[in-house]
């Protein structure tokens, strides 16, 4: 089954939609998940995120503003092609 790139039930984002919300790639987001850095909710085999969780993660990054974090994610995503 192909993953959706849209919010689920209007409140939750799947991995593809969460990565797009941040301006990064799915691979980048999955790396953060593997390291336990990003909060998510597992429902069956799928992972879901609330926008608030993603925003809080960015806001809590030390020494970097949310704008810089999103810019860096977009730059990394563009470089990975």
Protein backbone atom coordinates (compact mmCIF):
# COMPACT_ATOMS: atom_id res chain seq x y z
CA UNK A 1 0.00 0.00 0.00
CA UNK A 2 1.43 3.36 -1.02
CA UNK A 3 1.84 5.86 1.86
CA UNK A 4 -0.34 8.95 1.80
CA UNK A 5 1.11 12.44 1.66
CA UNK A 6 -1.88 14.01 3.37
CA UNK A 7 -3.00 14.45 6.95
CA UNK A 8 -4.91 11.51 8.36
CA UNK A 9 -8.22 12.44 9.99
CA UNK A 10 -7.09 16.07 9.78
CA UNK A 11 -5.03 15.72 12.97
CA UNK A 12 -2.32 13.15 12.32
CA UNK A 13 0.40 13.18 9.67
CA UNK A 14 1.96 10.05 8.24
CA UNK A 15 5.72 9.86 7.68
CA UNK A 16 5.54 11.30 4.17
CA UNK A 17 3.33 14.20 5.20
CA UNK A 18 5.42 14.91 8.32
CA UNK A 19 8.62 15.01 6.27
CA UNK A 20 6.97 17.35 3.77
CA UNK A 21 5.71 19.55 6.64
CA UNK A 22 9.31 19.91 7.84
CA UNK A 23 10.68 20.29 4.33
CA UNK A 24 12.86 17.19 4.68
CA UNK A 25 12.91 13.72 3.25
CA UNK A 26 11.24 10.60 4.61
CA UNK A 27 14.68 9.05 4.98
CA UNK A 28 15.86 11.97 7.14
CA UNK A 29 12.77 11.73 9.36
CA UNK A 30 13.17 7.96 9.70
CA UNK A 31 16.79 8.48 10.81
CA UNK A 32 15.56 10.80 13.56
CA UNK A 33 12.96 8.19 14.55
CA UNK A 34 15.58 5.43 14.74
CA UNK A 35 17.55 7.58 17.18
CA UNK A 36 14.42 8.18 19.26
CA UNK A 37 14.51 11.93 18.72
CA UNK A 38 11.04 12.56 17.35
CA UNK A 39 7.79 11.64 19.12
CA UNK A 40 5.33 9.57 17.12
CA UNK A 41 2.35 7.29 17.56
CA UNK A 42 2.40 3.79 16.11
CA UNK A 43 -0.93 2.48 14.91
CA UNK A 44 -0.45 -1.01 13.54
CA UNK A 45 2.56 -0.87 11.23
CA UNK A 46 2.21 2.84 10.53
CA UNK A 47 3.73 5.85 12.27
CA UNK A 48 1.82 9.08 12.79
CA UNK A 49 2.68 12.54 14.07
CA UNK A 50 0.82 15.57 15.34
CA UNK A 51 1.96 18.93 14.01
CA UNK A 52 2.30 20.12 17.61
CA UNK A 53 4.84 17.35 18.32
CA UNK A 54 6.87 18.29 15.27
CA UNK A 55 6.76 22.00 16.12
CA UNK A 56 7.78 21.33 19.73
CA UNK A 57 10.72 19.23 18.55
CA UNK A 58 11.97 22.07 16.35
CA UNK A 59 11.37 24.66 19.07
CA UNK A 60 13.38 22.60 21.58
CA UNK A 61 16.49 22.24 19.41
CA UNK A 62 19.42 23.85 21.24
CA UNK A 63 21.31 26.65 19.53
CA UNK A 64 19.12 26.79 16.44
CA UNK A 65 15.95 28.63 15.57
CA UNK A 66 12.95 26.86 14.04
CA UNK A 67 13.55 28.79 10.83
CA UNK A 68 17.18 27.60 10.64
CA UNK A 69 16.14 24.00 11.33
CA UNK A 70 13.60 24.03 8.50
CA UNK A 71 16.11 25.69 6.15
CA UNK A 72 18.72 23.03 6.98
CA UNK A 73 16.18 20.24 6.41
CA UNK A 74 15.24 21.66 3.00
CA UNK A 75 18.93 22.01 2.08
CA UNK A 76 19.65 18.40 3.10
CA UNK A 77 16.60 17.19 1.20
CA UNK A 78 17.71 19.02 -1.96
CA UNK A 79 21.24 17.61 -1.68
CA UNK A 80 19.98 14.02 -1.32
CA UNK A 81 18.15 14.47 -4.59
